[in-house]
Amino acid sequence: MTKDLGFTCKTYNACLSNCMLFMGEYEEKDKCETCETCRYKKGCKRIVIKQILLKPRLQKLFMSLKTTSRMKWHIEESRDDGSFRHPTDSQAWKNFDKKNPSFAGDVRNVRLGLDADGFNPIVE
């Protein structure tokens, strides 16, 4: 009944060390590709060790004054001076804001991005 009303909450299986989420192409994997930690409890093949609920985690970030200011930085502190120092400076972010003005208008709406250590998006 709750699913028909839209009250579902998607969970994601995660590595115990938070190295990766078992989703997409990794959905059927049994071990983390980074630390080799098993996805399931020992002796019981299909009981997951760790699951993440994304929505409650994001809501908790807005419960603290310290993290709330960081979550709203893209609206309150960002400068448009031609320098690329944050994803808000990218053309993709600006295009998204133009196409979705109601989403962009609420400071609490969060965009999730990919973090790739050592990746340089600017090719010279």
PDB file of N, CA and C in Angstrom:
ATOM      1  N   MET A   1       0.824  -1.194   0.000  1.00  0.00           N
ATOM      2  CA  MET A   1       0.000   0.000   0.000  1.00  0.00           C
ATOM      3  C   MET A   1       0.869   1.259   0.000  1.00  0.00           C
ATOM      4  N   THR A   2       1.947   1.288   0.800  1.00  0.00           N
ATOM      5  CA  THR A   2       2.788   2.484   0.856  1.00  0.00           C
ATOM      6  C   THR A   2       3.524   2.721  -0.449  1.00  0.00           C
ATOM      7  N   LYS A   3       3.840   1.635  -1.163  1.00  0.00           N
ATOM      8  CA  LYS A   3       4.540   1.775  -2.442  1.00  0.00           C
ATOM      9  C   LYS A   3       3.657   2.514  -3.453  1.00  0.00           C
ATOM     10  N   ASP A   4       2.364   2.234  -3.468  1.00  0.00           N
ATOM     11  CA  ASP A   4       1.438   2.904  -4.379  1.00  0.00           C
ATOM     12  C   ASP A   4       1.311   4.394  -4.071  1.00  0.00           C
ATOM     13  N   LEU A   5       1.522   4.780  -2.831  1.00  0.00           N
ATOM     14  CA  LEU A   5       1.438   6.184  -2.428  1.00  0.00           C
ATOM     15  C   LEU A   5       2.759   6.930  -2.619  1.00  0.00           C
ATOM     16  N   GLY A   6       3.788   6.220  -3.007  1.00  0.00           N
ATOM     17  CA  GLY A   6       5.081   6.860  -3.232  1.00  0.00           C
ATOM     18  C   GLY A   6       5.930   7.010  -1.984  1.00  0.00           C
ATOM     19  N   PHE A   7       5.671   6.225  -0.954  1.00  0.00           N
ATOM     20  CA  PHE A   7       6.420   6.315   0.299  1.00  0.00           C
ATOM     21  C   PHE A   7       7.547   5.292   0.380  1.00  0.00           C
ATOM     22  N   THR A   8       8.090   4.915  -0.734  1.00  0.00           N
ATOM     23  CA  THR A   8       9.165   3.931  -0.705  1.00  0.00           C
ATOM     24  C   THR A   8      10.498   4.634  -0.451  1.00  0.00           C
ATOM     25  N   CYS A   9      11.415   3.887   0.060  1.00  0.00           N
ATOM     26  CA  CYS A   9      12.752   4.408   0.313  1.00  0.00           C
ATOM     27  C   CYS A   9      13.743   3.399  -0.231  1.00  0.00           C
ATOM     28  N   LYS A  10      14.518   3.788  -1.211  1.00  0.00           N
ATOM     29  CA  LYS A  10      15.469   2.872  -1.848  1.00  0.00           C
ATOM     30  C   LYS A  10      16.712   2.748  -0.987  1.00  0.00           C
ATOM     31  N   THR A  11      17.112   1.510  -0.738  1.00  0.00           N
ATOM     32  CA  THR A  11      18.343   1.264  -0.002  1.00  0.00           C
ATOM     33  C   THR A  11      19.418   0.797  -0.969  1.00  0.00           C
ATOM     34  N   TYR A  12      20.656   1.071  -0.613  1.00  0.00           N
ATOM     35  CA  TYR A  12      21.796   0.662  -1.421  1.00  0.00           C
ATOM     36  C   TYR A  12      22.723  -0.163  -0.554  1.00  0.00           C
ATOM     37  N   ASN A  13      23.139  -1.311  -1.044  1.00  0.00           N
ATOM     38  CA  ASN A  13      24.122  -2.117  -0.334  1.00  0.00           C
ATOM     39  C   ASN A  13      25.469  -1.427  -0.469  1.00  0.00           C
ATOM     40  N   ALA A  14      26.207  -1.380   0.641  1.00  0.00           N
ATOM     41  CA  ALA A  14      27.496  -0.686   0.651  1.00  0.00           C
ATOM     42  C   ALA A  14      28.574  -1.580   1.231  1.00  0.00           C
ATOM     43  N   CYS A  15      29.800  -1.300   0.854  1.00  0.00           N
ATOM     44  CA  CYS A  15      30.966  -1.966   1.437  1.00  0.00           C
ATOM     45  C   CYS A  15      31.064  -1.545   2.904  1.00  0.00           C
ATOM     46  N   LEU A  16      31.475  -2.433   3.759  1.00  0.00           N
ATOM     47  CA  LEU A  16      31.609  -2.129   5.188  1.00  0.00           C
ATOM     48  C   LEU A  16      32.551  -0.953   5.426  1.00  0.00           C
ATOM     49  N   SER A  17      33.556  -0.789   4.568  1.00  0.00           N
ATOM     50  CA  SER A  17      34.525   0.305   4.695  1.00  0.00           C
ATOM     51  C   SER A  17      34.134   1.545   3.882  1.00  0.00           C
ATOM     52  N   ASN A  18      32.939   1.542   3.322  1.00  0.00           N
ATOM     53  CA  ASN A  18      32.430   2.645   2.508  1.00  0.00           C
ATOM     54  C   ASN A  18      33.228   2.893   1.238  1.00  0.00           C
ATOM     55  N   CYS A  19      33.865   1.871   0.698  1.00  0.00           N
ATOM     56  CA  CYS A  19      34.644   2.021  -0.536  1.00  0.00           C
ATOM     57  C   CYS A  19      33.753   2.120  -1.766  1.00  0.00           C
ATOM     58  N   MET A  20      32.661   1.381  -1.774  1.00  0.00           N
ATOM     59  CA  MET A  20      31.810   1.363  -2.960  1.00  0.00           C
ATOM     60  C   MET A  20      30.378   0.988  -2.618  1.00  0.00           C
ATOM     61  N   LEU A  21      29.468   1.345  -3.505  1.00  0.00           N
ATOM     62  CA  LEU A  21      28.080   0.915  -3.432  1.00  0.00           C
ATOM     63  C   LEU A  21      27.896  -0.215  -4.434  1.00  0.00           C
ATOM     64  N   PHE A  22      27.142  -1.223  -4.038  1.00  0.00           N
ATOM     65  CA  PHE A  22      26.861  -2.350  -4.931  1.00  0.00           C
ATOM     66  C   PHE A  22      25.613  -2.023  -5.751  1.00  0.00           C
ATOM     67  N   MET A  23      25.813  -1.213  -6.773  1.00  0.00           N
ATOM     68  CA  MET A  23      24.715  -0.822  -7.640  1.00  0.00           C
ATOM     69  C   MET A  23      25.231  -0.714  -9.067  1.00  0.00           C
ATOM     70  N   GLY A  24      24.310  -0.641 -10.017  1.00  0.00           N
ATOM     71  CA  GLY A  24      24.712  -0.555 -11.418  1.00  0.00           C
ATOM     72  C   GLY A  24      25.464  -1.801 -11.839  1.00  0.00           C
ATOM     73  N   GLU A  25      26.643  -1.619 -12.443  1.00  0.00           N
ATOM     74  CA  GLU A  25      27.428  -2.756 -12.920  1.00  0.00           C
ATOM     75  C   GLU A  25      27.982  -3.606 -11.780  1.00  0.00           C
ATOM     76  N   TYR A  26      27.981  -3.086 -10.553  1.00  0.00           N
ATOM     77  CA  TYR A  26      28.508  -3.809  -9.396  1.00  0.00           C
ATOM     78  C   TYR A  26      27.408  -4.486  -8.572  1.00  0.00           C
ATOM     79  N   GLU A  27      26.177  -4.418  -9.042  1.00  0.00           N
ATOM     80  CA  GLU A  27      25.030  -4.915  -8.282  1.00  0.00           C
ATOM     81  C   GLU A  27      25.118  -6.400  -7.938  1.00  0.00           C
ATOM     82  N   GLU A  28      25.728  -7.194  -8.778  1.00  0.00           N
ATOM     83  CA  GLU A  28      25.808  -8.641  -8.554  1.00  0.00           C
ATOM     84  C   GLU A  28      27.123  -9.077  -7.899  1.00  0.00           C
ATOM     85  N   LYS A  29      28.016  -8.158  -7.607  1.00  0.00           N
ATOM     86  CA  LYS A  29      29.310  -8.497  -7.002  1.00  0.00           C
ATOM     87  C   LYS A  29      29.120  -8.951  -5.556  1.00  0.00           C
ATOM     88  N   ASP A  30      29.987  -9.867  -5.098  1.00  0.00           N
ATOM     89  CA  ASP A  30      29.939 -10.343  -3.719  1.00  0.00           C
ATOM     90  C   ASP A  30      30.994  -9.688  -2.839  1.00  0.00           C
ATOM     91  N   LYS A  31      32.017  -9.095  -3.447  1.00  0.00           N
ATOM     92  CA  LYS A  31      33.107  -8.466  -2.699  1.00  0.00           C
ATOM     93  C   LYS A  31      33.380  -7.075  -3.239  1.00  0.00           C
ATOM     94  N   CYS A  32      33.872  -6.207  -2.360  1.00  0.00           N
ATOM     95  CA  CYS A  32      34.284  -4.865  -2.748  1.00  0.00           C
ATOM     96  C   CYS A  32      35.518  -4.965  -3.640  1.00  0.00           C
ATOM     97  N   GLU A  33      35.526  -4.212  -4.717  1.00  0.00           N
ATOM     98  CA  GLU A  33      36.667  -4.258  -5.636  1.00  0.00           C
ATOM     99  C   GLU A  33      37.882  -3.523  -5.088  1.00  0.00           C
ATOM    100  N   THR A  34      37.697  -2.677  -4.083  1.00  0.00           N
ATOM    101  CA  THR A  34      38.812  -1.919  -3.522  1.00  0.00           C
ATOM    102  C   THR A  34      39.474  -2.645  -2.361  1.00  0.00           C
ATOM    103  N   CYS A  35      38.678  -3.023  -1.361  1.00  0.00           N
ATOM    104  CA  CYS A  35      39.262  -3.614  -0.146  1.00  0.00           C
ATOM    105  C   CYS A  35      38.992  -5.111  -0.004  1.00  0.00           C
ATOM    106  N   GLU A  36      38.250  -5.700  -0.967  1.00  0.00           N
ATOM    107  CA  GLU A  36      37.961  -7.134  -0.977  1.00  0.00           C
ATOM    108  C   GLU A  36      37.082  -7.603   0.190  1.00  0.00           C
ATOM    109  N   THR A  37      36.401  -6.666   0.870  1.00  0.00           N
ATOM    110  CA  THR A  37      35.502  -7.032   1.963  1.00  0.00           C
ATOM    111  C   THR A  37      34.259  -7.702   1.387  1.00  0.00           C
ATOM    112  N   CYS A  38      33.813  -8.772   2.043  1.00  0.00           N
ATOM    113  CA  CYS A  38      32.627  -9.490   1.599  1.00  0.00           C
ATOM    114  C   CYS A  38      31.386  -8.632   1.822  1.00  0.00           C
ATOM    115  N   ARG A  39      30.479  -8.684   0.888  1.00  0.00           N
ATOM    116  CA  ARG A  39      29.232  -7.922   0.948  1.00  0.00           C
ATOM    117  C   ARG A  39      28.244  -8.515   1.950  1.00  0.00           C
ATOM    118  N   TYR A  40      28.312  -9.831   2.142  1.00  0.00           N
ATOM    119  CA  TYR A  40      27.333 -10.534   2.965  1.00  0.00           C
ATOM    120  C   TYR A  40      27.953 -11.041   4.261  1.00  0.00           C
ATOM    121  N   LYS A  41      27.076 -11.296   5.251  1.00  0.00           N
ATOM    122  CA  LYS A  41      27.536 -11.866   6.519  1.00  0.00           C
ATOM    123  C   LYS A  41      28.067 -13.271   6.289  1.00  0.00           C
ATOM    124  N   LYS A  42      29.056 -13.654   7.067  1.00  0.00           N
ATOM    125  CA  LYS A  42      29.661 -14.988   6.944  1.00  0.00           C
ATOM    126  C   LYS A  42      28.635 -16.069   7.270  1.00  0.00           C
ATOM    127  N   GLY A  43      28.639 -17.123   6.488  1.00  0.00           N
ATOM    128  CA  GLY A  43      27.760 -18.259   6.743  1.00  0.00           C
ATOM    129  C   GLY A  43      26.368 -18.094   6.188  1.00  0.00           C
ATOM    130  N   CYS A  44      25.970 -16.882   5.894  1.00  0.00           N
ATOM    131  CA  CYS A  44      24.636 -16.659   5.356  1.00  0.00           C
ATOM    132  C   CYS A  44      24.792 -15.866   4.065  1.00  0.00           C
ATOM    133  N   LYS A  45      24.654 -16.509   2.967  1.00  0.00           N
ATOM    134  CA  LYS A  45      25.025 -15.970   1.653  1.00  0.00           C
ATOM    135  C   LYS A  45      24.321 -14.669   1.281  1.00  0.00           C
ATOM    136  N   ARG A  46      23.111 -14.430   1.707  1.00  0.00           N
ATOM    137  CA  ARG A  46      22.368 -13.269   1.199  1.00  0.00           C
ATOM    138  C   ARG A  46      21.916 -12.256   2.253  1.00  0.00           C
ATOM    139  N   ILE A  47      22.520 -12.253   3.435  1.00  0.00           N
ATOM    140  CA  ILE A  47      22.208 -11.210   4.410  1.00  0.00           C
ATOM    141  C   ILE A  47      23.291 -10.139   4.301  1.00  0.00           C
ATOM    142  N   VAL A  48      22.895  -8.968   3.859  1.00  0.00           N
ATOM    143  CA  VAL A  48      23.829  -7.876   3.580  1.00  0.00           C
ATOM    144  C   VAL A  48      24.372  -7.296   4.882  1.00  0.00           C
ATOM    145  N   ILE A  49      25.669  -6.988   4.900  1.00  0.00           N
ATOM    146  CA  ILE A  49      26.315  -6.420   6.083  1.00  0.00           C
ATOM    147  C   ILE A  49      25.918  -4.966   6.297  1.00  0.00           C
ATOM    148  N   LYS A  50      25.901  -4.161   5.226  1.00  0.00           N
ATOM    149  CA  LYS A  50      25.648  -2.728   5.389  1.00  0.00           C
ATOM    150  C   LYS A  50      24.774  -2.208   4.250  1.00  0.00           C
ATOM    151  N   GLN A  51      23.735  -1.448   4.636  1.00  0.00           N
ATOM    152  CA  GLN A  51      22.876  -0.789   3.657  1.00  0.00           C
ATOM    153  C   GLN A  51      22.825   0.702   3.973  1.00  0.00           C
ATOM    154  N   ILE A  52      22.664   1.499   2.942  1.00  0.00           N
ATOM    155  CA  ILE A  52      22.604   2.944   3.098  1.00  0.00           C
ATOM    156  C   ILE A  52      21.263   3.442   2.579  1.00  0.00           C
ATOM    157  N   LEU A  53      20.628   4.284   3.370  1.00  0.00           N
ATOM    158  CA  LEU A  53      19.428   4.991   2.939  1.00  0.00           C
ATOM    159  C   LEU A  53      19.878   6.413   2.614  1.00  0.00           C
ATOM    160  N   LEU A  54      19.849   6.778   1.365  1.00  0.00           N
ATOM    161  CA  LEU A  54      20.402   8.055   0.939  1.00  0.00           C
ATOM    162  C   LEU A  54      19.610   9.251   1.453  1.00  0.00           C
ATOM    163  N   LYS A  55      18.307   9.217   1.363  1.00  0.00           N
ATOM    164  CA  LYS A  55      17.490  10.371   1.747  1.00  0.00           C
ATOM    165  C   LYS A  55      17.676  10.752   3.218  1.00  0.00           C
ATOM    166  N   PRO A  56      17.595   9.812   4.175  1.00  0.00           N
ATOM    167  CA  PRO A  56      17.811  10.195   5.575  1.00  0.00           C
ATOM    168  C   PRO A  56      19.219  10.753   5.835  1.00  0.00           C
ATOM    169  N   ARG A  57      20.221  10.253   5.117  1.00  0.00           N
ATOM    170  CA  ARG A  57      21.576  10.788   5.291  1.00  0.00           C
ATOM    171  C   ARG A  57      21.653  12.239   4.852  1.00  0.00           C
ATOM    172  N   LEU A  58      21.022  12.558   3.745  1.00  0.00           N
ATOM    173  CA  LEU A  58      21.011  13.946   3.286  1.00  0.00           C
ATOM    174  C   LEU A  58      20.232  14.840   4.246  1.00  0.00           C
ATOM    175  N   GLN A  59      19.131  14.333   4.791  1.00  0.00           N
ATOM    176  CA  GLN A  59      18.346  15.114   5.742  1.00  0.00           C
ATOM    177  C   GLN A  59      19.155  15.415   7.004  1.00  0.00           C
ATOM    178  N   LYS A  60      19.961  14.467   7.455  1.00  0.00           N
ATOM    179  CA  LYS A  60      20.778  14.676   8.652  1.00  0.00           C
ATOM    180  C   LYS A  60      21.817  15.771   8.446  1.00  0.00           C
ATOM    181  N   LEU A  61      22.294  15.923   7.202  1.00  0.00           N
ATOM    182  CA  LEU A  61      23.270  16.976   6.925  1.00  0.00           C
ATOM    183  C   LEU A  61      22.679  18.371   7.136  1.00  0.00           C
ATOM    184  N   PHE A  62      21.368  18.506   7.001  1.00  0.00           N
ATOM    185  CA  PHE A  62      20.707  19.785   7.213  1.00  0.00           C
ATOM    186  C   PHE A  62      20.292  20.005   8.670  1.00  0.00           C
ATOM    187  N   MET A  63      20.506  19.037   9.535  1.00  0.00           N
ATOM    188  CA  MET A  63      20.111  19.168  10.946  1.00  0.00           C
ATOM    189  C   MET A  63      21.136  19.914  11.793  1.00  0.00           C
ATOM    190  N   SER A  64      22.342  20.025  11.324  1.00  0.00           N
ATOM    191  CA  SER A  64      23.406  20.699  12.059  1.00  0.00           C
ATOM    192  C   SER A  64      23.701  22.048  11.409  1.00  0.00           C
ATOM    193  N   LEU A  65      23.866  23.090  12.213  1.00  0.00           N
ATOM    194  CA  LEU A  65      24.176  24.406  11.666  1.00  0.00           C
ATOM    195  C   LEU A  65      25.491  24.395  10.884  1.00  0.00           C
ATOM    196  N   LYS A  66      26.454  23.611  11.364  1.00  0.00           N
ATOM    197  CA  LYS A  66      27.759  23.550  10.715  1.00  0.00           C
ATOM    198  C   LYS A  66      27.657  22.942   9.315  1.00  0.00           C
ATOM    199  N   THR A  67      26.975  21.810   9.207  1.00  0.00           N
ATOM    200  CA  THR A  67      26.876  21.163   7.902  1.00  0.00           C
ATOM    201  C   THR A  67      25.837  21.836   7.007  1.00  0.00           C
ATOM    202  N   THR A  68      24.823  22.467   7.580  1.00  0.00           N
ATOM    203  CA  THR A  68      23.824  23.155   6.777  1.00  0.00           C
ATOM    204  C   THR A  68      24.454  24.258   5.949  1.00  0.00           C
ATOM    205  N   SER A  69      25.345  25.030   6.562  1.00  0.00           N
ATOM    206  CA  SER A  69      25.983  26.117   5.806  1.00  0.00           C
ATOM    207  C   SER A  69      26.827  25.557   4.667  1.00  0.00           C
ATOM    208  N   ARG A  70      27.428  24.410   4.877  1.00  0.00           N
ATOM    209  CA  ARG A  70      28.208  23.783   3.805  1.00  0.00           C
ATOM    210  C   ARG A  70      27.317  23.238   2.703  1.00  0.00           C
ATOM    211  N   MET A  71      26.139  22.756   3.058  1.00  0.00           N
ATOM    212  CA  MET A  71      25.217  22.210   2.069  1.00  0.00           C
ATOM    213  C   MET A  71      24.603  23.316   1.194  1.00  0.00           C
ATOM    214  N   LYS A  72      24.572  24.548   1.717  1.00  0.00           N
ATOM    215  CA  LYS A  72      23.991  25.665   0.973  1.00  0.00           C
ATOM    216  C   LYS A  72      25.049  26.589   0.378  1.00  0.00           C
ATOM    217  N   TRP A  73      26.308  26.195   0.442  1.00  0.00           N
ATOM    218  CA  TRP A  73      27.396  27.041  -0.029  1.00  0.00           C
ATOM    219  C   TRP A  73      27.235  27.430  -1.492  1.00  0.00           C
ATOM    220  N   HIS A  74      26.766  26.501  -2.319  1.00  0.00           N
ATOM    221  CA  HIS A  74      26.659  26.756  -3.754  1.00  0.00           C
ATOM    222  C   HIS A  74      25.745  27.929  -4.085  1.00  0.00           C
ATOM    223  N   ILE A  75      24.845  28.294  -3.192  1.00  0.00           N
ATOM    224  CA  ILE A  75      23.956  29.437  -3.400  1.00  0.00           C
ATOM    225  C   ILE A  75      24.468  30.662  -2.645  1.00  0.00           C
ATOM    226  N   GLU A  76      24.875  30.466  -1.402  1.00  0.00           N
ATOM    227  CA  GLU A  76      25.181  31.591  -0.528  1.00  0.00           C
ATOM    228  C   GLU A  76      26.605  32.145  -0.666  1.00  0.00           C
ATOM    229  N   GLU A  77      27.573  31.333  -1.045  1.00  0.00           N
ATOM    230  CA  GLU A  77      28.967  31.776  -1.047  1.00  0.00           C
ATOM    231  C   GLU A  77      29.645  31.751  -2.417  1.00  0.00           C
ATOM    232  N   SER A  78      29.044  31.122  -3.382  1.00  0.00           N
ATOM    233  CA  SER A  78      29.676  30.970  -4.693  1.00  0.00           C
ATOM    234  C   SER A  78      29.842  32.322  -5.384  1.00  0.00           C
ATOM    235  N   ARG A  79      30.978  32.507  -6.078  1.00  0.00           N
ATOM    236  CA  ARG A  79      31.241  33.731  -6.835  1.00  0.00           C
ATOM    237  C   ARG A  79      31.353  33.382  -8.310  1.00  0.00           C
ATOM    238  N   ASP A  80      30.760  34.196  -9.142  1.00  0.00           N
ATOM    239  CA  ASP A  80      30.866  33.987 -10.586  1.00  0.00           C
ATOM    240  C   ASP A  80      31.902  34.955 -11.137  1.00  0.00           C
ATOM    241  N   ASP A  81      33.184  34.592 -10.983  1.00  0.00           N
ATOM    242  CA  ASP A  81      34.271  35.477 -11.398  1.00  0.00           C
ATOM    243  C   ASP A  81      35.082  34.889 -12.557  1.00  0.00           C
ATOM    244  N   GLY A  82      34.566  33.834 -13.194  1.00  0.00           N
ATOM    245  CA  GLY A  82      35.248  33.238 -14.329  1.00  0.00           C
ATOM    246  C   GLY A  82      36.211  32.120 -13.966  1.00  0.00           C
ATOM    247  N   SER A  83      36.501  31.944 -12.687  1.00  0.00           N
ATOM    248  CA  SER A  83      37.391  30.866 -12.243  1.00  0.00           C
ATOM    249  C   SER A  83      36.585  29.603 -12.009  1.00  0.00           C
ATOM    250  N   PHE A  84      37.201  28.466 -12.286  1.00  0.00           N
ATOM    251  CA  PHE A  84      36.547  27.172 -12.066  1.00  0.00           C
ATOM    252  C   PHE A  84      37.114  26.567 -10.790  1.00  0.00           C
ATOM    253  N   ARG A  85      36.366  26.701  -9.678  1.00  0.00           N
ATOM    254  CA  ARG A  85      36.834  26.163  -8.408  1.00  0.00           C
ATOM    255  C   ARG A  85      35.818  25.236  -7.743  1.00  0.00           C
ATOM    256  N   HIS A  86      34.645  25.124  -8.322  1.00  0.00           N
ATOM    257  CA  HIS A  86      33.571  24.313  -7.757  1.00  0.00           C
ATOM    258  C   HIS A  86      32.650  23.900  -8.907  1.00  0.00           C
ATOM    259  N   PRO A  87      31.961  22.752  -8.793  1.00  0.00           N
ATOM    260  CA  PRO A  87      31.045  22.345  -9.868  1.00  0.00           C
ATOM    261  C   PRO A  87      29.988  23.394 -10.226  1.00  0.00           C
ATOM    262  N   THR A  88      29.677  24.316  -9.304  1.00  0.00           N
ATOM    263  CA  THR A  88      28.714  25.376  -9.629  1.00  0.00           C
ATOM    264  C   THR A  88      29.215  26.281 -10.741  1.00  0.00           C
ATOM    265  N   ASP A  89      30.517  26.301 -10.950  1.00  0.00           N
ATOM    266  CA  ASP A  89      31.103  27.133 -11.994  1.00  0.00           C
ATOM    267  C   ASP A  89      31.020  26.487 -13.377  1.00  0.00           C
ATOM    268  N   SER A  90      30.630  25.230 -13.446  1.00  0.00           N
ATOM    269  CA  SER A  90      30.605  24.506 -14.717  1.00  0.00           C
ATOM    270  C   SER A  90      29.390  24.891 -15.557  1.00  0.00           C
ATOM    271  N   GLN A  91      29.533  24.735 -16.843  1.00  0.00           N
ATOM    272  CA  GLN A  91      28.437  25.020 -17.768  1.00  0.00           C
ATOM    273  C   GLN A  91      27.295  24.021 -17.568  1.00  0.00           C
ATOM    274  N   ALA A  92      27.624  22.779 -17.233  1.00  0.00           N
ATOM    275  CA  ALA A  92      26.593  21.756 -17.010  1.00  0.00           C
ATOM    276  C   ALA A  92      25.683  22.157 -15.849  1.00  0.00           C
ATOM    277  N   TRP A  93      26.252  22.669 -14.770  1.00  0.00           N
ATOM    278  CA  TRP A  93      25.467  23.099 -13.605  1.00  0.00           C
ATOM    279  C   TRP A  93      24.546  24.245 -14.007  1.00  0.00           C
ATOM    280  N   LYS A  94      25.099  25.222 -14.739  1.00  0.00           N
ATOM    281  CA  LYS A  94      24.317  26.390 -15.152  1.00  0.00           C
ATOM    282  C   LYS A  94      23.193  25.984 -16.110  1.00  0.00           C
ATOM    283  N   ASN A  95      23.456  25.041 -17.017  1.00  0.00           N
ATOM    284  CA  ASN A  95      22.417  24.552 -17.918  1.00  0.00           C
ATOM    285  C   ASN A  95      21.314  23.829 -17.159  1.00  0.00           C
ATOM    286  N   PHE A  96      21.721  23.032 -16.160  1.00  0.00           N
ATOM    287  CA  PHE A  96      20.729  22.332 -15.334  1.00  0.00           C
ATOM    288  C   PHE A  96      19.819  23.338 -14.621  1.00  0.00           C
ATOM    289  N   ASP A  97      20.414  24.403 -14.082  1.00  0.00           N
ATOM    290  CA  ASP A  97      19.631  25.434 -13.392  1.00  0.00           C
ATOM    291  C   ASP A  97      18.634  26.111 -14.342  1.00  0.00           C
ATOM    292  N   LYS A  98      19.052  26.352 -15.576  1.00  0.00           N
ATOM    293  CA  LYS A  98      18.157  26.989 -16.555  1.00  0.00           C
ATOM    294  C   LYS A  98      16.998  26.075 -16.928  1.00  0.00           C
ATOM    295  N   LYS A  99      17.279  24.782 -17.067  1.00  0.00           N
ATOM    296  CA  LYS A  99      16.233  23.826 -17.461  1.00  0.00           C
ATOM    297  C   LYS A  99      15.303  23.466 -16.306  1.00  0.00           C
ATOM    298  N   ASN A 100      15.764  23.623 -15.069  1.00  0.00           N
ATOM    299  CA  ASN A 100      14.993  23.227 -13.888  1.00  0.00           C
ATOM    300  C   ASN A 100      14.941  24.370 -12.882  1.00  0.00           C
ATOM    301  N   PRO A 101      14.281  25.479 -13.212  1.00  0.00           N
ATOM    302  CA  PRO A 101      14.296  26.645 -12.321  1.00  0.00           C
ATOM    303  C   PRO A 101      13.633  26.398 -10.966  1.00  0.00           C
ATOM    304  N   SER A 102      12.620  25.544 -10.910  1.00  0.00           N
ATOM    305  CA  SER A 102      11.975  25.290  -9.614  1.00  0.00           C
ATOM    306  C   SER A 102      12.905  24.500  -8.691  1.00  0.00           C
ATOM    307  N   PHE A 103      13.665  23.566  -9.253  1.00  0.00           N
ATOM    308  CA  PHE A 103      14.638  22.813  -8.458  1.00  0.00           C
ATOM    309  C   PHE A 103      15.778  23.731  -8.022  1.00  0.00           C
ATOM    310  N   ALA A 104      16.291  24.531  -8.949  1.00  0.00           N
ATOM    311  CA  ALA A 104      17.420  25.411  -8.657  1.00  0.00           C
ATOM    312  C   ALA A 104      17.041  26.507  -7.676  1.00  0.00           C
ATOM    313  N   GLY A 105      15.771  26.865  -7.616  1.00  0.00           N
ATOM    314  CA  GLY A 105      15.326  27.952  -6.745  1.00  0.00           C
ATOM    315  C   GLY A 105      15.323  27.608  -5.266  1.00  0.00           C
ATOM    316  N   ASP A 106      15.264  26.343  -4.928  1.00  0.00           N
ATOM    317  CA  ASP A 106      15.256  25.935  -3.513  1.00  0.00           C
ATOM    318  C   ASP A 106      16.665  25.583  -3.089  1.00  0.00           C
ATOM    319  N   VAL A 107      17.203  26.340  -2.153  1.00  0.00           N
ATOM    320  CA  VAL A 107      18.584  26.181  -1.676  1.00  0.00           C
ATOM    321  C   VAL A 107      18.842  24.797  -1.092  1.00  0.00           C
ATOM    322  N   ARG A 108      17.812  24.126  -0.608  1.00  0.00           N
ATOM    323  CA  ARG A 108      17.982  22.821   0.043  1.00  0.00           C
ATOM    324  C   ARG A 108      18.061  21.664  -0.928  1.00  0.00           C
ATOM    325  N   ASN A 109      17.761  21.896  -2.202  1.00  0.00           N
ATOM    326  CA  ASN A 109      17.867  20.821  -3.183  1.00  0.00           C
ATOM    327  C   ASN A 109      19.334  20.511  -3.431  1.00  0.00           C
ATOM    328  N   VAL A 110      19.647  19.228  -3.428  1.00  0.00           N
ATOM    329  CA  VAL A 110      21.032  18.781  -3.493  1.00  0.00           C
ATOM    330  C   VAL A 110      21.287  18.086  -4.821  1.00  0.00           C
ATOM    331  N   ARG A 111      22.415  18.385  -5.404  1.00  0.00           N
ATOM    332  CA  ARG A 111      22.868  17.683  -6.603  1.00  0.00           C
ATOM    333  C   ARG A 111      23.969  16.728  -6.170  1.00  0.00           C
ATOM    334  N   LEU A 112      23.862  15.495  -6.595  1.00  0.00           N
ATOM    335  CA  LEU A 112      24.888  14.517  -6.263  1.00  0.00           C
ATOM    336  C   LEU A 112      25.851  14.417  -7.426  1.00  0.00           C
ATOM    337  N   GLY A 113      27.127  14.368  -7.107  1.00  0.00           N
ATOM    338  CA  GLY A 113      28.135  14.309  -8.151  1.00  0.00           C
ATOM    339  C   GLY A 113      29.088  13.158  -7.947  1.00  0.00           C
ATOM    340  N   LEU A 114      29.871  12.923  -8.938  1.00  0.00           N
ATOM    341  CA  LEU A 114      30.869  11.869  -8.904  1.00  0.00           C
ATOM    342  C   LEU A 114      32.181  12.439  -8.394  1.00  0.00           C
ATOM    343  N   ASP A 115      32.795  11.752  -7.452  1.00  0.00           N
ATOM    344  CA  ASP A 115      34.093  12.171  -6.921  1.00  0.00           C
ATOM    345  C   ASP A 115      35.130  11.178  -7.423  1.00  0.00           C
ATOM    346  N   ALA A 116      36.096  11.691  -8.143  1.00  0.00           N
ATOM    347  CA  ALA A 116      37.161  10.828  -8.674  1.00  0.00           C
ATOM    348  C   ALA A 116      38.498  11.447  -8.288  1.00  0.00           C
ATOM    349  N   ASP A 117      39.147  10.894  -7.281  1.00  0.00           N
ATOM    350  CA  ASP A 117      40.429  11.423  -6.823  1.00  0.00           C
ATOM    351  C   ASP A 117      41.457  11.394  -7.949  1.00  0.00           C
ATOM    352  N   GLY A 118      42.162  12.500  -8.127  1.00  0.00           N
ATOM    353  CA  GLY A 118      43.224  12.560  -9.114  1.00  0.00           C
ATOM    354  C   GLY A 118      42.745  12.790 -10.532  1.00  0.00           C
ATOM    355  N   PHE A 119      41.461  12.966 -10.732  1.00  0.00           N
ATOM    356  CA  PHE A 119      40.911  13.183 -12.070  1.00  0.00           C
ATOM    357  C   PHE A 119      40.901  14.667 -12.361  1.00  0.00           C
ATOM    358  N   ASN A 120      41.456  15.077 -13.475  1.00  0.00           N
ATOM    359  CA  ASN A 120      41.500  16.470 -13.864  1.00  0.00           C
ATOM    360  C   ASN A 120      40.501  16.692 -15.002  1.00  0.00           C
ATOM    361  N   PRO A 121      39.388  17.413 -14.752  1.00  0.00           N
ATOM    362  CA  PRO A 121      38.383  17.602 -15.795  1.00  0.00           C
ATOM    363  C   PRO A 121      38.814  18.591 -16.875  1.00  0.00           C
ATOM    364  N   ILE A 122      39.881  19.351 -16.627  1.00  0.00           N
ATOM    365  CA  ILE A 122      40.321  20.355 -17.577  1.00  0.00           C
ATOM    366  C   ILE A 122      41.501  19.792 -18.367  1.00  0.00           C
ATOM    367  N   VAL A 123      41.288  19.591 -19.641  1.00  0.00           N
ATOM    368  CA  VAL A 123      42.336  19.051 -20.514  1.00  0.00           C
ATOM    369  C   VAL A 123      42.972  20.218 -21.255  1.00  0.00           C
ATOM    370  N   GLU A 124      44.264  20.300 -21.179  1.00  0.00           N
ATOM    371  CA  GLU A 124      44.971  21.400 -21.845  1.00  0.00           C
ATOM    372  C   GLU A 124      45.573  20.942 -23.145  1.00  0.00           C
TER     373      GLU A 124
END
